[in-house]
Amino acid sequence: MNSNENIAELFDLVGEWTTIPEIAETLDVKVTRVHTLITEGQLIAVRDQEGVRRVPALFMREDGVLDSLKGTLTVLKDSGFDDEEAIRWLYTQDESLPGRPIDALHEGKKTEIRRRAQALAW
């Protein structure tokens, strides 16, 4: 599978995405602040097939970035995941949860999700 097919598959898997300017508007901050959130690892973004950086919509809440996301992203990066792989893992169904890790984070199950993410490194 080439890179464009991987990106198309990832975008289909996630479904709903948001752009950096949309996040800035939601948070009532400058676009540069959203770039800083990405640089600091509080958010991750990938480029779509047109080169626009997008963030999965479920990484956000009405009032800001999903609280449990930063620590979870850190654990995934420490386990060797790149941004695309981290998004794919968070959005892939896991029958043992049941559901997707991103949904479990929204339900407040960050400890369980981080434990599973740490186990991926071994």
PDB file of N, CA and C in Angstrom:
ATOM      1  N   MET A   1       0.854  -1.171   0.000  1.00  0.00           N
ATOM      2  CA  MET A   1       0.000   0.000   0.000  1.00  0.00           C
ATOM      3  C   MET A   1       0.898   1.232   0.000  1.00  0.00           C
ATOM      4  N   ASN A   2       0.664   2.137  -0.935  1.00  0.00           N
ATOM      5  CA  ASN A   2       1.510   3.329  -0.975  1.00  0.00           C
ATOM      6  C   ASN A   2       1.015   4.380   0.014  1.00  0.00           C
ATOM      7  N   SER A   3       1.768   5.442   0.119  1.00  0.00           N
ATOM      8  CA  SER A   3       1.484   6.474   1.118  1.00  0.00           C
ATOM      9  C   SER A   3       0.101   7.096   0.923  1.00  0.00           C
ATOM     10  N   ASN A   4      -0.283   7.370  -0.319  1.00  0.00           N
ATOM     11  CA  ASN A   4      -1.602   7.961  -0.566  1.00  0.00           C
ATOM     12  C   ASN A   4      -2.724   7.023  -0.155  1.00  0.00           C
ATOM     13  N   GLU A   5      -2.539   5.714  -0.397  1.00  0.00           N
ATOM     14  CA  GLU A   5      -3.547   4.741   0.021  1.00  0.00           C
ATOM     15  C   GLU A   5      -3.619   4.665   1.542  1.00  0.00           C
ATOM     16  N   ASN A   6      -2.459   4.726   2.212  1.00  0.00           N
ATOM     17  CA  ASN A   6      -2.433   4.721   3.675  1.00  0.00           C
ATOM     18  C   ASN A   6      -3.186   5.915   4.232  1.00  0.00           C
ATOM     19  N   ILE A   7      -2.938   7.090   3.660  1.00  0.00           N
ATOM     20  CA  ILE A   7      -3.610   8.308   4.138  1.00  0.00           C
ATOM     21  C   ILE A   7      -5.106   8.212   3.884  1.00  0.00           C
ATOM     22  N   ALA A   8      -5.499   7.768   2.705  1.00  0.00           N
ATOM     23  CA  ALA A   8      -6.926   7.638   2.398  1.00  0.00           C
ATOM     24  C   ALA A   8      -7.602   6.670   3.369  1.00  0.00           C
ATOM     25  N   GLU A   9      -6.935   5.557   3.662  1.00  0.00           N
ATOM     26  CA  GLU A   9      -7.484   4.575   4.598  1.00  0.00           C
ATOM     27  C   GLU A   9      -7.600   5.181   6.000  1.00  0.00           C
ATOM     28  N   LEU A  10      -6.583   5.926   6.420  1.00  0.00           N
ATOM     29  CA  LEU A  10      -6.605   6.566   7.735  1.00  0.00           C
ATOM     30  C   LEU A  10      -7.751   7.574   7.822  1.00  0.00           C
ATOM     31  N   PHE A  11      -7.933   8.362   6.788  1.00  0.00           N
ATOM     32  CA  PHE A  11      -9.003   9.359   6.790  1.00  0.00           C
ATOM     33  C   PHE A  11     -10.375   8.693   6.816  1.00  0.00           C
ATOM     34  N   ASP A  12     -10.498   7.559   6.148  1.00  0.00           N
ATOM     35  CA  ASP A  12     -11.757   6.801   6.201  1.00  0.00           C
ATOM     36  C   ASP A  12     -11.987   6.217   7.592  1.00  0.00           C
ATOM     37  N   LEU A  13     -10.929   5.682   8.203  1.00  0.00           N
ATOM     38  CA  LEU A  13     -11.030   5.077   9.530  1.00  0.00           C
ATOM     39  C   LEU A  13     -11.514   6.093  10.561  1.00  0.00           C
ATOM     40  N   VAL A  14     -10.923   7.283  10.531  1.00  0.00           N
ATOM     41  CA  VAL A  14     -11.260   8.318  11.508  1.00  0.00           C
ATOM     42  C   VAL A  14     -12.627   8.919  11.212  1.00  0.00           C
ATOM     43  N   GLY A  15     -12.881   9.209   9.956  1.00  0.00           N
ATOM     44  CA  GLY A  15     -14.178   9.771   9.578  1.00  0.00           C
ATOM     45  C   GLY A  15     -14.236  11.281   9.716  1.00  0.00           C
ATOM     46  N   GLU A  16     -14.359  11.785  10.921  1.00  0.00           N
ATOM     47  CA  GLU A  16     -14.544  13.224  11.117  1.00  0.00           C
ATOM     48  C   GLU A  16     -13.227  13.878  11.535  1.00  0.00           C
ATOM     49  N   TRP A  17     -12.843  14.882  10.762  1.00  0.00           N
ATOM     50  CA  TRP A  17     -11.596  15.613  10.986  1.00  0.00           C
ATOM     51  C   TRP A  17     -11.896  17.095  11.155  1.00  0.00           C
ATOM     52  N   THR A  18     -10.931  17.806  11.706  1.00  0.00           N
ATOM     53  CA  THR A  18     -11.032  19.247  11.827  1.00  0.00           C
ATOM     54  C   THR A  18      -9.704  19.856  11.384  1.00  0.00           C
ATOM     55  N   THR A  19      -9.736  21.115  11.032  1.00  0.00           N
ATOM     56  CA  THR A  19      -8.512  21.783  10.579  1.00  0.00           C
ATOM     57  C   THR A  19      -7.942  22.648  11.702  1.00  0.00           C
ATOM     58  N   ILE A  20      -6.714  23.034  11.534  1.00  0.00           N
ATOM     59  CA  ILE A  20      -6.061  23.885  12.521  1.00  0.00           C
ATOM     60  C   ILE A  20      -6.790  25.224  12.683  1.00  0.00           C
ATOM     61  N   PRO A  21      -7.194  25.895  11.590  1.00  0.00           N
ATOM     62  CA  PRO A  21      -7.961  27.142  11.776  1.00  0.00           C
ATOM     63  C   PRO A  21      -9.296  26.919  12.504  1.00  0.00           C
ATOM     64  N   GLU A  22      -9.949  25.786  12.265  1.00  0.00           N
ATOM     65  CA  GLU A  22     -11.203  25.491  12.965  1.00  0.00           C
ATOM     66  C   GLU A  22     -10.964  25.300  14.461  1.00  0.00           C
ATOM     67  N   ILE A  23      -9.867  24.635  14.808  1.00  0.00           N
ATOM     68  CA  ILE A  23      -9.535  24.447  16.220  1.00  0.00           C
ATOM     69  C   ILE A  23      -9.241  25.802  16.863  1.00  0.00           C
ATOM     70  N   ALA A  24      -8.483  26.632  16.165  1.00  0.00           N
ATOM     71  CA  ALA A  24      -8.162  27.965  16.690  1.00  0.00           C
ATOM     72  C   ALA A  24      -9.436  28.753  16.963  1.00  0.00           C
ATOM     73  N   GLU A  25     -10.391  28.667  16.057  1.00  0.00           N
ATOM     74  CA  GLU A  25     -11.659  29.380  16.241  1.00  0.00           C
ATOM     75  C   GLU A  25     -12.424  28.818  17.440  1.00  0.00           C
ATOM     76  N   THR A  26     -12.477  27.496  17.554  1.00  0.00           N
ATOM     77  CA  THR A  26     -13.176  26.860  18.671  1.00  0.00           C
ATOM     78  C   THR A  26     -12.560  27.257  20.014  1.00  0.00           C
ATOM     79  N   LEU A  27     -11.230  27.276  20.069  1.00  0.00           N
ATOM     80  CA  LEU A  27     -10.525  27.586  21.310  1.00  0.00           C
ATOM     81  C   LEU A  27     -10.373  29.085  21.543  1.00  0.00           C
ATOM     82  N   ASP A  28     -10.739  29.876  20.527  1.00  0.00           N
ATOM     83  CA  ASP A  28     -10.579  31.330  20.573  1.00  0.00           C
ATOM     84  C   ASP A  28      -9.114  31.714  20.824  1.00  0.00           C
ATOM     85  N   VAL A  29      -8.233  31.080  20.037  1.00  0.00           N
ATOM     86  CA  VAL A  29      -6.803  31.378  20.096  1.00  0.00           C
ATOM     87  C   VAL A  29      -6.295  31.598  18.677  1.00  0.00           C
ATOM     88  N   LYS A  30      -5.068  32.061  18.573  1.00  0.00           N
ATOM     89  CA  LYS A  30      -4.448  32.230  17.261  1.00  0.00           C
ATOM     90  C   LYS A  30      -4.027  30.868  16.714  1.00  0.00           C
ATOM     91  N   VAL A  31      -3.961  30.787  15.395  1.00  0.00           N
ATOM     92  CA  VAL A  31      -3.543  29.545  14.730  1.00  0.00           C
ATOM     93  C   VAL A  31      -2.172  29.108  15.234  1.00  0.00           C
ATOM     94  N   THR A  32      -1.297  30.062  15.506  1.00  0.00           N
ATOM     95  CA  THR A  32       0.043  29.703  15.981  1.00  0.00           C
ATOM     96  C   THR A  32      -0.019  28.961  17.314  1.00  0.00           C
ATOM     97  N   ARG A  33      -1.015  29.249  18.143  1.00  0.00           N
ATOM     98  CA  ARG A  33      -1.169  28.532  19.413  1.00  0.00           C
ATOM     99  C   ARG A  33      -1.521  27.068  19.162  1.00  0.00           C
ATOM    100  N   VAL A  34      -2.334  26.793  18.148  1.00  0.00           N
ATOM    101  CA  VAL A  34      -2.676  25.409  17.801  1.00  0.00           C
ATOM    102  C   VAL A  34      -1.430  24.689  17.292  1.00  0.00           C
ATOM    103  N   HIS A  35      -0.602  25.381  16.510  1.00  0.00           N
ATOM    104  CA  HIS A  35       0.662  24.784  16.064  1.00  0.00           C
ATOM    105  C   HIS A  35       1.536  24.425  17.268  1.00  0.00           C
ATOM    106  N   THR A  36       1.528  25.288  18.278  1.00  0.00           N
ATOM    107  CA  THR A  36       2.286  25.024  19.502  1.00  0.00           C
ATOM    108  C   THR A  36       1.749  23.788  20.211  1.00  0.00           C
ATOM    109  N   LEU A  37       0.419  23.632  20.265  1.00  0.00           N
ATOM    110  CA  LEU A  37      -0.179  22.438  20.876  1.00  0.00           C
ATOM    111  C   LEU A  37       0.305  21.174  20.172  1.00  0.00           C
ATOM    112  N   ILE A  38       0.454  21.254  18.854  1.00  0.00           N
ATOM    113  CA  ILE A  38       0.936  20.110  18.076  1.00  0.00           C
ATOM    114  C   ILE A  38       2.417  19.874  18.381  1.00  0.00           C
ATOM    115  N   THR A  39       3.204  20.938  18.390  1.00  0.00           N
ATOM    116  CA  THR A  39       4.635  20.823  18.685  1.00  0.00           C
ATOM    117  C   THR A  39       4.863  20.243  20.077  1.00  0.00           C
ATOM    118  N   GLU A  40       4.037  20.651  21.041  1.00  0.00           N
ATOM    119  CA  GLU A  40       4.172  20.176  22.419  1.00  0.00           C
ATOM    120  C   GLU A  40       3.636  18.755  22.617  1.00  0.00           C
ATOM    121  N   GLY A  41       2.996  18.191  21.596  1.00  0.00           N
ATOM    122  CA  GLY A  41       2.480  16.836  21.706  1.00  0.00           C
ATOM    123  C   GLY A  41       1.106  16.733  22.343  1.00  0.00           C
ATOM    124  N   GLN A  42       0.424  17.867  22.514  1.00  0.00           N
ATOM    125  CA  GLN A  42      -0.926  17.820  23.066  1.00  0.00           C
ATOM    126  C   GLN A  42      -1.939  17.413  22.008  1.00  0.00           C
ATOM    127  N   LEU A  43      -1.586  17.631  20.756  1.00  0.00           N
ATOM    128  CA  LEU A  43      -2.391  17.234  19.597  1.00  0.00           C
ATOM    129  C   LEU A  43      -1.449  16.645  18.567  1.00  0.00           C
ATOM    130  N   ILE A  44      -1.997  15.854  17.659  1.00  0.00           N
ATOM    131  CA  ILE A  44      -1.240  15.448  16.482  1.00  0.00           C
ATOM    132  C   ILE A  44      -2.100  15.712  15.255  1.00  0.00           C
ATOM    133  N   ALA A  45      -1.409  15.992  14.173  1.00  0.00           N
ATOM    134  CA  ALA A  45      -2.089  16.294  12.914  1.00  0.00           C
ATOM    135  C   ALA A  45      -1.385  15.536  11.794  1.00  0.00           C
ATOM    136  N   VAL A  46      -2.138  15.200  10.774  1.00  0.00           N
ATOM    137  CA  VAL A  46      -1.564  14.595   9.567  1.00  0.00           C
ATOM    138  C   VAL A  46      -2.077  15.364   8.367  1.00  0.00           C
ATOM    139  N   ARG A  47      -1.315  15.306   7.311  1.00  0.00           N
ATOM    140  CA  ARG A  47      -1.707  16.007   6.084  1.00  0.00           C
ATOM    141  C   ARG A  47      -2.626  15.121   5.249  1.00  0.00           C
ATOM    142  N   ASP A  48      -3.692  15.739   4.746  1.00  0.00           N
ATOM    143  CA  ASP A  48      -4.575  15.001   3.848  1.00  0.00           C
ATOM    144  C   ASP A  48      -3.950  14.952   2.461  1.00  0.00           C
ATOM    145  N   GLN A  49      -4.659  14.411   1.510  1.00  0.00           N
ATOM    146  CA  GLN A  49      -4.101  14.238   0.168  1.00  0.00           C
ATOM    147  C   GLN A  49      -3.860  15.559  -0.552  1.00  0.00           C
ATOM    148  N   GLU A  50      -4.463  16.637  -0.044  1.00  0.00           N
ATOM    149  CA  GLU A  50      -4.216  17.969  -0.615  1.00  0.00           C
ATOM    150  C   GLU A  50      -3.141  18.717   0.161  1.00  0.00           C
ATOM    151  N   GLY A  51      -2.599  18.091   1.206  1.00  0.00           N
ATOM    152  CA  GLY A  51      -1.545  18.715   1.984  1.00  0.00           C
ATOM    153  C   GLY A  51      -2.014  19.566   3.156  1.00  0.00           C
ATOM    154  N   VAL A  52      -3.322  19.554   3.435  1.00  0.00           N
ATOM    155  CA  VAL A  52      -3.875  20.322   4.552  1.00  0.00           C
ATOM    156  C   VAL A  52      -3.714  19.506   5.836  1.00  0.00           C
ATOM    157  N   ARG A  53      -3.165  20.126   6.870  1.00  0.00           N
ATOM    158  CA  ARG A  53      -3.011  19.438   8.161  1.00  0.00           C
ATOM    159  C   ARG A  53      -4.365  19.349   8.846  1.00  0.00           C
ATOM    160  N   ARG A  54      -4.697  18.140   9.257  1.00  0.00           N
ATOM    161  CA  ARG A  54      -5.983  17.898   9.911  1.00  0.00           C
ATOM    162  C   ARG A  54      -5.773  17.114  11.207  1.00  0.00           C
ATOM    163  N   VAL A  55      -6.702  17.326  12.122  1.00  0.00           N
ATOM    164  CA  VAL A  55      -6.686  16.688  13.433  1.00  0.00           C
ATOM    165  C   VAL A  55      -7.992  15.907  13.565  1.00  0.00           C
ATOM    166  N   PRO A  56      -7.936  14.665  14.063  1.00  0.00           N
ATOM    167  CA  PRO A  56      -9.190  13.939  14.296  1.00  0.00           C
ATOM    168  C   PRO A  56     -10.111  14.742  15.215  1.00  0.00           C
ATOM    169  N   ALA A  57     -11.370  14.857  14.829  1.00  0.00           N
ATOM    170  CA  ALA A  57     -12.323  15.693  15.574  1.00  0.00           C
ATOM    171  C   ALA A  57     -12.495  15.232  17.014  1.00  0.00           C
ATOM    172  N   LEU A  58     -12.409  13.930  17.279  1.00  0.00           N
ATOM    173  CA  LEU A  58     -12.604  13.432  18.645  1.00  0.00           C
ATOM    174  C   LEU A  58     -11.435  13.753  19.574  1.00  0.00           C
ATOM    175  N   PHE A  59     -10.367  14.349  19.044  1.00  0.00           N
ATOM    176  CA  PHE A  59      -9.276  14.810  19.894  1.00  0.00           C
ATOM    177  C   PHE A  59      -9.677  16.082  20.642  1.00  0.00           C
ATOM    178  N   MET A  60     -10.805  16.648  20.232  1.00  0.00           N
ATOM    179  CA  MET A  60     -11.272  17.903  20.816  1.00  0.00           C
ATOM    180  C   MET A  60     -12.575  17.675  21.584  1.00  0.00           C
ATOM    181  N   ARG A  61     -12.800  18.544  22.543  1.00  0.00           N
ATOM    182  CA  ARG A  61     -14.091  18.669  23.229  1.00  0.00           C
ATOM    183  C   ARG A  61     -14.575  20.076  22.947  1.00  0.00           C
ATOM    184  N   GLU A  62     -15.780  20.385  23.385  1.00  0.00           N
ATOM    185  CA  GLU A  62     -16.335  21.715  23.131  1.00  0.00           C
ATOM    186  C   GLU A  62     -15.450  22.796  23.741  1.00  0.00           C
ATOM    187  N   ASP A  63     -14.838  22.476  24.888  1.00  0.00           N
ATOM    188  CA  ASP A  63     -14.090  23.477  25.639  1.00  0.00           C
ATOM    189  C   ASP A  63     -12.576  23.362  25.484  1.00  0.00           C
ATOM    190  N   GLY A  64     -12.093  22.458  24.651  1.00  0.00           N
ATOM    191  CA  GLY A  64     -10.653  22.349  24.464  1.00  0.00           C
ATOM    192  C   GLY A  64     -10.225  20.971  24.017  1.00  0.00           C
ATOM    193  N   VAL A  65      -8.931  20.731  24.162  1.00  0.00           N
ATOM    194  CA  VAL A  65      -8.353  19.447  23.782  1.00  0.00           C
ATOM    195  C   VAL A  65      -8.799  18.402  24.804  1.00  0.00           C
ATOM    196  N   LEU A  66      -9.089  17.196  24.348  1.00  0.00           N
ATOM    197  CA  LEU A  66      -9.443  16.076  25.224  1.00  0.00           C
ATOM    198  C   LEU A  66      -8.353  15.939  26.292  1.00  0.00           C
ATOM    199  N   ASP A  67      -8.739  16.040  27.563  1.00  0.00           N
ATOM    200  CA  ASP A  67      -7.790  16.066  28.684  1.00  0.00           C
ATOM    201  C   ASP A  67      -6.790  14.922  28.677  1.00  0.00           C
ATOM    202  N   SER A  68      -7.265  13.725  28.448  1.00  0.00           N
ATOM    203  CA  SER A  68      -6.414  12.536  28.572  1.00  0.00           C
ATOM    204  C   SER A  68      -5.565  12.267  27.335  1.00  0.00           C
ATOM    205  N   LEU A  69      -5.664  13.135  26.321  1.00  0.00           N
ATOM    206  CA  LEU A  69      -4.989  12.860  25.055  1.00  0.00           C
ATOM    207  C   LEU A  69      -3.478  13.003  25.147  1.00  0.00           C
ATOM    208  N   LYS A  70      -2.977  14.091  25.744  1.00  0.00           N
ATOM    209  CA  LYS A  70      -1.537  14.351  25.726  1.00  0.00           C
ATOM    210  C   LYS A  70      -0.746  13.200  26.326  1.00  0.00           C
ATOM    211  N   GLY A  71      -1.110  12.750  27.506  1.00  0.00           N
ATOM    212  CA  GLY A  71      -0.390  11.653  28.137  1.00  0.00           C
ATOM    213  C   GLY A  71      -0.451  10.372  27.326  1.00  0.00           C
ATOM    214  N   THR A  72      -1.605  10.125  26.728  1.00  0.00           N
ATOM    215  CA  THR A  72      -1.770   8.931  25.900  1.00  0.00           C
ATOM    216  C   THR A  72      -0.886   9.016  24.658  1.00  0.00           C
ATOM    217  N   LEU A  73      -0.844  10.188  24.033  1.00  0.00           N
ATOM    218  CA  LEU A  73       0.020  10.370  22.859  1.00  0.00           C
ATOM    219  C   LEU A  73       1.487  10.192  23.234  1.00  0.00           C
ATOM    220  N   THR A  74       1.864  10.673  24.405  1.00  0.00           N
ATOM    221  CA  THR A  74       3.249  10.520  24.877  1.00  0.00           C
ATOM    222  C   THR A  74       3.596   9.043  25.036  1.00  0.00           C
ATOM    223  N   VAL A  75       2.700   8.276  25.635  1.00  0.00           N
ATOM    224  CA  VAL A  75       2.941   6.837  25.815  1.00  0.00           C
ATOM    225  C   VAL A  75       3.062   6.148  24.461  1.00  0.00           C
ATOM    226  N   LEU A  76       2.199   6.506  23.515  1.00  0.00           N
ATOM    227  CA  LEU A  76       2.270   5.896  22.184  1.00  0.00           C
ATOM    228  C   LEU A  76       3.576   6.251  21.482  1.00  0.00           C
ATOM    229  N   LYS A  77       4.006   7.501  21.577  1.00  0.00           N
ATOM    230  CA  LYS A  77       5.275   7.903  20.960  1.00  0.00           C
ATOM    231  C   LYS A  77       6.436   7.158  21.616  1.00  0.00           C
ATOM    232  N   ASP A  78       6.387   7.035  22.943  1.00  0.00           N
ATOM    233  CA  ASP A  78       7.427   6.294  23.656  1.00  0.00           C
ATOM    234  C   ASP A  78       7.442   4.819  23.263  1.00  0.00           C
ATOM    235  N   SER A  79       6.311   4.320  22.803  1.00  0.00           N
ATOM    236  CA  SER A  79       6.211   2.931  22.339  1.00  0.00           C
ATOM    237  C   SER A  79       6.633   2.783  20.883  1.00  0.00           C
ATOM    238  N   GLY A  80       7.042   3.893  20.253  1.00  0.00           N
ATOM    239  CA  GLY A  80       7.560   3.837  18.887  1.00  0.00           C
ATOM    240  C   GLY A  80       6.563   4.174  17.799  1.00  0.00           C
ATOM    241  N   PHE A  81       5.391   4.665  18.166  1.00  0.00           N
ATOM    242  CA  PHE A  81       4.372   5.007  17.181  1.00  0.00           C
ATOM    243  C   PHE A  81       4.646   6.374  16.577  1.00  0.00           C
ATOM    244  N   ASP A  82       4.465   6.489  15.251  1.00  0.00           N
ATOM    245  CA  ASP A  82       4.475   7.818  14.653  1.00  0.00           C
ATOM    246  C   ASP A  82       3.039   8.355  14.716  1.00  0.00           C
ATOM    247  N   ASP A  83       2.825   9.569  14.232  1.00  0.00           N
ATOM    248  CA  ASP A  83       1.508  10.195  14.358  1.00  0.00           C
ATOM    249  C   ASP A  83       0.406   9.388  13.683  1.00  0.00           C
ATOM    250  N   GLU A  84       0.659   8.922  12.462  1.00  0.00           N
ATOM    251  CA  GLU A  84      -0.360   8.148  11.750  1.00  0.00           C
ATOM    252  C   GLU A  84      -0.677   6.850  12.483  1.00  0.00           C
ATOM    253  N   GLU A  85       0.347   6.176  12.969  1.00  0.00           N
ATOM    254  CA  GLU A  85       0.136   4.918  13.692  1.00  0.00           C
ATOM    255  C   GLU A  85      -0.629   5.149  14.987  1.00  0.00           C
ATOM    256  N   ALA A  86      -0.328   6.243  15.679  1.00  0.00           N
ATOM    257  CA  ALA A  86      -1.032   6.560  16.923  1.00  0.00           C
ATOM    258  C   ALA A  86      -2.510   6.800  16.649  1.00  0.00           C
ATOM    259  N   ILE A  87      -2.806   7.562  15.612  1.00  0.00           N
ATOM    260  CA  ILE A  87      -4.206   7.818  15.263  1.00  0.00           C
ATOM    261  C   ILE A  87      -4.899   6.515  14.892  1.00  0.00           C
ATOM    262  N   ARG A  88      -4.234   5.715  14.087  1.00  0.00           N
ATOM    263  CA  ARG A  88      -4.813   4.431  13.661  1.00  0.00           C
ATOM    264  C   ARG A  88      -5.123   3.560  14.884  1.00  0.00           C
ATOM    265  N   TRP A  89      -4.192   3.484  15.849  1.00  0.00           N
ATOM    266  CA  TRP A  89      -4.411   2.667  17.041  1.00  0.00           C
ATOM    267  C   TRP A  89      -5.587   3.199  17.853  1.00  0.00           C
ATOM    268  N   LEU A  90      -5.655   4.518  18.023  1.00  0.00           N
ATOM    269  CA  LEU A  90      -6.732   5.111  18.821  1.00  0.00           C
ATOM    270  C   LEU A  90      -8.109   4.892  18.195  1.00  0.00           C
ATOM    271  N   TYR A  91      -8.165   4.756  16.883  1.00  0.00           N
ATOM    272  CA  TYR A  91      -9.444   4.640  16.180  1.00  0.00           C
ATOM    273  C   TYR A  91      -9.791   3.214  15.742  1.00  0.00           C
ATOM    274  N   THR A  92      -8.949   2.249  16.066  1.00  0.00           N
ATOM    275  CA  THR A  92      -9.214   0.862  15.669  1.00  0.00           C
ATOM    276  C   THR A  92      -9.999   0.146  16.761  1.00  0.00           C
ATOM    277  N   GLN A  93     -11.068  -0.534  16.353  1.00  0.00           N
ATOM    278  CA  GLN A  93     -11.899  -1.298  17.288  1.00  0.00           C
ATOM    279  C   GLN A  93     -11.051  -2.313  18.044  1.00  0.00           C
ATOM    280  N   ASP A  94     -11.315  -2.430  19.336  1.00  0.00           N
ATOM    281  CA  ASP A  94     -10.645  -3.420  20.181  1.00  0.00           C
ATOM    282  C   ASP A  94     -11.747  -4.163  20.927  1.00  0.00           C
ATOM    283  N   GLU A  95     -11.973  -5.404  20.540  1.00  0.00           N
ATOM    284  CA  GLU A  95     -13.070  -6.184  21.119  1.00  0.00           C
ATOM    285  C   GLU A  95     -12.925  -6.354  22.628  1.00  0.00           C
ATOM    286  N   SER A  96     -11.702  -6.323  23.138  1.00  0.00           N
ATOM    287  CA  SER A  96     -11.504  -6.513  24.571  1.00  0.00           C
ATOM    288  C   SER A  96     -11.864  -5.277  25.387  1.00  0.00           C
ATOM    289  N   LEU A  97     -12.085  -4.138  24.741  1.00  0.00           N
ATOM    290  CA  LEU A  97     -12.461  -2.934  25.513  1.00  0.00           C
ATOM    291  C   LEU A  97     -13.919  -2.976  25.972  1.00  0.00           C
ATOM    292  N   PRO A  98     -14.905  -3.172  25.219  1.00  0.00           N
ATOM    293  CA  PRO A  98     -15.035  -3.174  23.760  1.00  0.00           C
ATOM    294  C   PRO A  98     -15.106  -1.742  23.225  1.00  0.00           C
ATOM    295  N   GLY A  99     -14.825  -1.609  21.946  1.00  0.00           N
ATOM    296  CA  GLY A  99     -14.876  -0.305  21.295  1.00  0.00           C
ATOM    297  C   GLY A  99     -13.495   0.153  20.875  1.00  0.00           C
ATOM    298  N   ARG A 100     -13.383   1.455  20.681  1.00  0.00           N
ATOM    299  CA  ARG A 100     -12.124   2.044  20.238  1.00  0.00           C
ATOM    300  C   ARG A 100     -11.450   2.758  21.414  1.00  0.00           C
ATOM    301  N   PRO A 101     -10.139   2.768  21.449  1.00  0.00           N
ATOM    302  CA  PRO A 101      -9.451   3.490  22.515  1.00  0.00           C
ATOM    303  C   PRO A 101      -9.864   4.963  22.624  1.00  0.00           C
ATOM    304  N   ILE A 102     -10.094   5.636  21.510  1.00  0.00           N
ATOM    305  CA  ILE A 102     -10.489   7.055  21.562  1.00  0.00           C
ATOM    306  C   ILE A 102     -11.820   7.214  22.302  1.00  0.00           C
ATOM    307  N   ASP A 103     -12.738   6.283  22.099  1.00  0.00           N
ATOM    308  CA  ASP A 103     -14.027   6.348  22.794  1.00  0.00           C
ATOM    309  C   ASP A 103     -13.840   6.110  24.289  1.00  0.00           C
ATOM    310  N   ALA A 104     -12.940   5.169  24.632  1.00  0.00           N
ATOM    311  CA  ALA A 104     -12.662   4.889  26.045  1.00  0.00           C
ATOM    312  C   ALA A 104     -12.053   6.116  26.728  1.00  0.00           C
ATOM    313  N   LEU A 105     -11.217   6.862  26.017  1.00  0.00           N
ATOM    314  CA  LEU A 105     -10.668   8.098  26.586  1.00  0.00           C
ATOM    315  C   LEU A 105     -11.776   9.095  26.877  1.00  0.00           C
ATOM    316  N   HIS A 106     -12.741   9.199  25.965  1.00  0.00           N
ATOM    317  CA  HIS A 106     -13.876  10.109  26.187  1.00  0.00           C
ATOM    318  C   HIS A 106     -14.728   9.648  27.374  1.00  0.00           C
ATOM    319  N   GLU A 107     -14.684   8.353  27.663  1.00  0.00           N
ATOM    320  CA  GLU A 107     -15.450   7.805  28.786  1.00  0.00           C
ATOM    321  C   GLU A 107     -14.665   7.865  30.092  1.00  0.00           C
ATOM    322  N   GLY A 108     -13.476   8.454  30.071  1.00  0.00           N
ATOM    323  CA  GLY A 108     -12.689   8.599  31.284  1.00  0.00           C
ATOM    324  C   GLY A 108     -11.830   7.406  31.652  1.00  0.00           C
ATOM    325  N   LYS A 109     -11.561   6.528  30.696  1.00  0.00           N
ATOM    326  CA  LYS A 109     -10.790   5.307  30.974  1.00  0.00           C
ATOM    327  C   LYS A 109      -9.326   5.452  30.560  1.00  0.00           C
ATOM    328  N   LYS A 110      -8.716   6.591  30.901  1.00  0.00           N
ATOM    329  CA  LYS A 110      -7.358   6.843  30.431  1.00  0.00           C
ATOM    330  C   LYS A 110      -6.333   5.875  31.020  1.00  0.00           C
ATOM    331  N   THR A 111      -6.493   5.446  32.253  1.00  0.00           N
ATOM    332  CA  THR A 111      -5.527   4.536  32.863  1.00  0.00           C
ATOM    333  C   THR A 111      -5.460   3.229  32.094  1.00  0.00           C
ATOM    334  N   GLU A 112      -6.608   2.671  31.756  1.00  0.00           N
ATOM    335  CA  GLU A 112      -6.657   1.417  31.006  1.00  0.00           C
ATOM    336  C   GLU A 112      -6.048   1.591  29.615  1.00  0.00           C
ATOM    337  N   ILE A 113      -6.363   2.683  28.954  1.00  0.00           N
ATOM    338  CA  ILE A 113      -5.854   2.910  27.600  1.00  0.00           C
ATOM    339  C   ILE A 113      -4.338   3.098  27.634  1.00  0.00           C
ATOM    340  N   ARG A 114      -3.832   3.848  28.595  1.00  0.00           N
ATOM    341  CA  ARG A 114      -2.386   4.046  28.688  1.00  0.00           C
ATOM    342  C   ARG A 114      -1.675   2.745  29.045  1.00  0.00           C
ATOM    343  N   ARG A 115      -2.275   1.924  29.868  1.00  0.00           N
ATOM    344  CA  ARG A 115      -1.687   0.634  30.200  1.00  0.00           C
ATOM    345  C   ARG A 115      -1.554  -0.211  28.927  1.00  0.00           C
ATOM    346  N   ARG A 116      -2.594  -0.217  28.137  1.00  0.00           N
ATOM    347  CA  ARG A 116      -2.549  -0.980  26.877  1.00  0.00           C
ATOM    348  C   ARG A 116      -1.519  -0.402  25.923  1.00  0.00           C
ATOM    349  N   ALA A 117      -1.437   0.918  25.859  1.00  0.00           N
ATOM    350  CA  ALA A 117      -0.462   1.563  24.981  1.00  0.00           C
ATOM    351  C   ALA A 117       0.963   1.236  25.425  1.00  0.00           C
ATOM    352  N   GLN A 118       1.212   1.228  26.731  1.00  0.00           N
ATOM    353  CA  GLN A 118       2.557   0.874  27.234  1.00  0.00           C
ATOM    354  C   GLN A 118       2.918  -0.551  26.879  1.00  0.00           C
ATOM    355  N   ALA A 119       1.951  -1.441  26.946  1.00  0.00           N
ATOM    356  CA  ALA A 119       2.197  -2.853  26.644  1.00  0.00           C
ATOM    357  C   ALA A 119       2.609  -3.064  25.185  1.00  0.00           C
ATOM    358  N   LEU A 120       2.260  -2.136  24.315  1.00  0.00           N
ATOM    359  CA  LEU A 120       2.596  -2.269  22.901  1.00  0.00           C
ATOM    360  C   LEU A 120       4.102  -2.200  22.667  1.00  0.00           C
ATOM    361  N   ALA A 121       4.815  -1.558  23.572  1.00  0.00           N
ATOM    362  CA  ALA A 121       6.260  -1.405  23.401  1.00  0.00           C
ATOM    363  C   ALA A 121       7.018  -2.707  23.648  1.00  0.00           C
ATOM    364  N   TRP A 122       6.384  -3.666  24.298  1.00  0.00           N
ATOM    365  CA  TRP A 122       7.092  -4.895  24.668  1.00  0.00           C
ATOM    366  C   TRP A 122       6.808  -6.010  23.740  1.00  0.00           C
TER     367      TRP A 122
END
